[in-house]
Amino acid sequence: MDKNIEFLAYYDLDKEQKHGFSSKDIPPNERTLIVKEQIIPGAFGYPDMYIRHMKLRYKNRDYPIICMTDYELDVAKRVEIIAGAVQFLQESGV
């Protein structure tokens, strides 16, 4: 099944118990909000949230990856995320 995946979201948020990849089959448009790269200060007992952007080239297409984590990404974690994104796309039938 061919999907119209335009971007991936990666989550690793311990307090919210949200981990892994997700995507929307709808392409972004003027009503789509993609949060800029930043650190959002924690509040109400939640840790800081790190928003980082990465890119993946897969089957001659570019896929932005928006990462939301409660820690800063090091090089090893970035490589792990890219490998996971490739696996996610393969399993999605892209």
C-alpha atoms as a PDB file:
ATOM      1  CA  MET A   1       0.000   0.000   0.000  1.00  0.00           C
ATOM      2  CA  ASP A   2       1.482   3.356  -1.027  1.00  0.00           C
ATOM      3  CA  LYS A   3       1.036   6.087   1.546  1.00  0.00           C
ATOM      4  CA  ASN A   4       1.333   9.806   1.104  1.00  0.00           C
ATOM      5  CA  ILE A   5       3.610  10.346   4.102  1.00  0.00           C
ATOM      6  CA  GLU A   6       5.116  13.822   3.960  1.00  0.00           C
ATOM      7  CA  PHE A   7       6.788  14.025   7.376  1.00  0.00           C
ATOM      8  CA  LEU A   8       7.431  11.934  10.487  1.00  0.00           C
ATOM      9  CA  ALA A   9       7.069  12.799  14.150  1.00  0.00           C
ATOM     10  CA  TYR A  10       9.362  11.112  16.677  1.00  0.00           C
ATOM     11  CA  TYR A  11       8.412  11.128  20.365  1.00  0.00           C
ATOM     12  CA  ASP A  12      10.427  10.106  23.401  1.00  0.00           C
ATOM     13  CA  LEU A  13       8.613  11.628  26.356  1.00  0.00           C
ATOM     14  CA  ASP A  14       8.914   9.667  29.580  1.00  0.00           C
ATOM     15  CA  LYS A  15       6.250  11.415  31.677  1.00  0.00           C
ATOM     16  CA  GLU A  16       3.631  11.180  28.920  1.00  0.00           C
ATOM     17  CA  GLN A  17       4.648   7.587  28.088  1.00  0.00           C
ATOM     18  CA  LYS A  18       4.760   8.530  24.398  1.00  0.00           C
ATOM     19  CA  HIS A  19       7.488   6.806  22.402  1.00  0.00           C
ATOM     20  CA  GLY A  20       8.173   6.041  18.763  1.00  0.00           C
ATOM     21  CA  PHE A  21       7.100   7.320  15.355  1.00  0.00           C
ATOM     22  CA  SER A  22       3.872   8.566  13.877  1.00  0.00           C
ATOM     23  CA  SER A  23       2.840  10.211  10.633  1.00  0.00           C
ATOM     24  CA  LYS A  24      -0.160  11.654   8.933  1.00  0.00           C
ATOM     25  CA  ASP A  25      -1.175  10.486   5.492  1.00  0.00           C
ATOM     26  CA  ILE A  26      -2.233  14.022   4.647  1.00  0.00           C
ATOM     27  CA  PRO A  27       0.376  16.398   3.276  1.00  0.00           C
ATOM     28  CA  PRO A  28       1.064  19.593   5.251  1.00  0.00           C
ATOM     29  CA  ASN A  29      -0.797  22.661   4.038  1.00  0.00           C
ATOM     30  CA  GLU A  30      -1.354  26.245   5.152  1.00  0.00           C
ATOM     31  CA  ARG A  31      -3.289  24.998   8.215  1.00  0.00           C
ATOM     32  CA  THR A  32      -0.522  22.627   9.355  1.00  0.00           C
ATOM     33  CA  LEU A  33       1.588  23.791  12.276  1.00  0.00           C
ATOM     34  CA  ILE A  34       5.149  22.524  12.536  1.00  0.00           C
ATOM     35  CA  VAL A  35       6.773  23.812  15.692  1.00  0.00           C
ATOM     36  CA  LYS A  36      10.114  25.530  15.199  1.00  0.00           C
ATOM     37  CA  GLU A  37      13.259  24.074  16.740  1.00  0.00           C
ATOM     38  CA  GLN A  38      13.434  25.146  20.359  1.00  0.00           C
ATOM     39  CA  ILE A  39      13.442  24.091  23.977  1.00  0.00           C
ATOM     40  CA  ILE A  40      10.038  24.571  25.575  1.00  0.00           C
ATOM     41  CA  PRO A  41      10.491  25.115  29.328  1.00  0.00           C
ATOM     42  CA  GLY A  42       8.800  22.534  31.512  1.00  0.00           C
ATOM     43  CA  ALA A  43       5.886  23.465  33.750  1.00  0.00           C
ATOM     44  CA  PHE A  44       3.490  21.793  36.181  1.00  0.00           C
ATOM     45  CA  GLY A  45       5.987  19.019  36.952  1.00  0.00           C
ATOM     46  CA  TYR A  46       6.850  18.304  33.311  1.00  0.00           C
ATOM     47  CA  PRO A  47      10.472  18.455  32.113  1.00  0.00           C
ATOM     48  CA  ASP A  48      11.703  20.719  29.329  1.00  0.00           C
ATOM     49  CA  MET A  49      10.666  19.565  25.856  1.00  0.00           C
ATOM     50  CA  TYR A  50      13.296  19.613  23.127  1.00  0.00           C
ATOM     51  CA  ILE A  51      11.971  20.140  19.599  1.00  0.00           C
ATOM     52  CA  ARG A  52      14.583  19.202  17.003  1.00  0.00           C
ATOM     53  CA  HIS A  53      14.290  18.811  13.237  1.00  0.00           C
ATOM     54  CA  MET A  54      16.103  16.179  11.205  1.00  0.00           C
ATOM     55  CA  LYS A  55      15.945  15.131   7.542  1.00  0.00           C
ATOM     56  CA  LEU A  56      15.912  11.720   5.935  1.00  0.00           C
ATOM     57  CA  ARG A  57      16.331  10.921   2.246  1.00  0.00           C
ATOM     58  CA  TYR A  58      14.537   7.641   1.506  1.00  0.00           C
ATOM     59  CA  LYS A  59      13.699   6.256  -1.953  1.00  0.00           C
ATOM     60  CA  ASN A  60      14.630   9.566  -3.603  1.00  0.00           C
ATOM     61  CA  ARG A  61      12.298  11.587  -1.342  1.00  0.00           C
ATOM     62  CA  ASP A  62      13.076  13.898   1.535  1.00  0.00           C
ATOM     63  CA  TYR A  63      11.223  13.373   4.807  1.00  0.00           C
ATOM     64  CA  PRO A  64      11.419  15.935   7.602  1.00  0.00           C
ATOM     65  CA  ILE A  65      11.467  14.343  11.051  1.00  0.00           C
ATOM     66  CA  ILE A  66      10.164  16.465  13.919  1.00  0.00           C
ATOM     67  CA  CYS A  67      11.613  15.125  17.178  1.00  0.00           C
ATOM     68  CA  MET A  68      10.003  15.831  20.553  1.00  0.00           C
ATOM     69  CA  THR A  69      12.061  14.577  23.490  1.00  0.00           C
ATOM     70  CA  ASP A  70      12.603  15.454  27.123  1.00  0.00           C
ATOM     71  CA  TYR A  71      16.391  15.461  26.612  1.00  0.00           C
ATOM     72  CA  GLU A  72      18.888  16.865  24.122  1.00  0.00           C
ATOM     73  CA  LEU A  73      19.722  14.554  21.209  1.00  0.00           C
ATOM     74  CA  ASP A  74      23.306  13.370  20.895  1.00  0.00           C
ATOM     75  CA  VAL A  75      24.833  11.948  17.707  1.00  0.00           C
ATOM     76  CA  ALA A  76      24.150   8.319  18.691  1.00  0.00           C
ATOM     77  CA  LYS A  77      20.473   9.054  19.345  1.00  0.00           C
ATOM     78  CA  ARG A  78      20.159  10.908  16.021  1.00  0.00           C
ATOM     79  CA  VAL A  79      21.536   7.851  14.190  1.00  0.00           C
ATOM     80  CA  GLU A  80      19.106   5.620  16.104  1.00  0.00           C
ATOM     81  CA  ILE A  81      16.190   7.886  15.128  1.00  0.00           C
ATOM     82  CA  ILE A  82      17.159   7.823  11.432  1.00  0.00           C
ATOM     83  CA  ALA A  83      17.410   4.005  11.503  1.00  0.00           C
ATOM     84  CA  GLY A  84      14.012   3.811  13.208  1.00  0.00           C
ATOM     85  CA  ALA A  85      12.506   6.168  10.628  1.00  0.00           C
ATOM     86  CA  VAL A  86      13.723   3.971   7.775  1.00  0.00           C
ATOM     87  CA  GLN A  87      12.183   0.923   9.468  1.00  0.00           C
ATOM     88  CA  PHE A  88       8.925   2.831  10.061  1.00  0.00           C
ATOM     89  CA  LEU A  89       8.717   3.843   6.383  1.00  0.00           C
ATOM     90  CA  GLN A  90       9.455   0.283   5.227  1.00  0.00           C
ATOM     91  CA  GLU A  91       6.733  -1.115   7.488  1.00  0.00           C
ATOM     92  CA  SER A  92       4.319   1.598   6.286  1.00  0.00           C
ATOM     93  CA  GLY A  93       4.671   0.431   2.702  1.00  0.00           C
ATOM     94  CA  VAL A  94       6.236   3.621   1.436  1.00  0.00           C
END
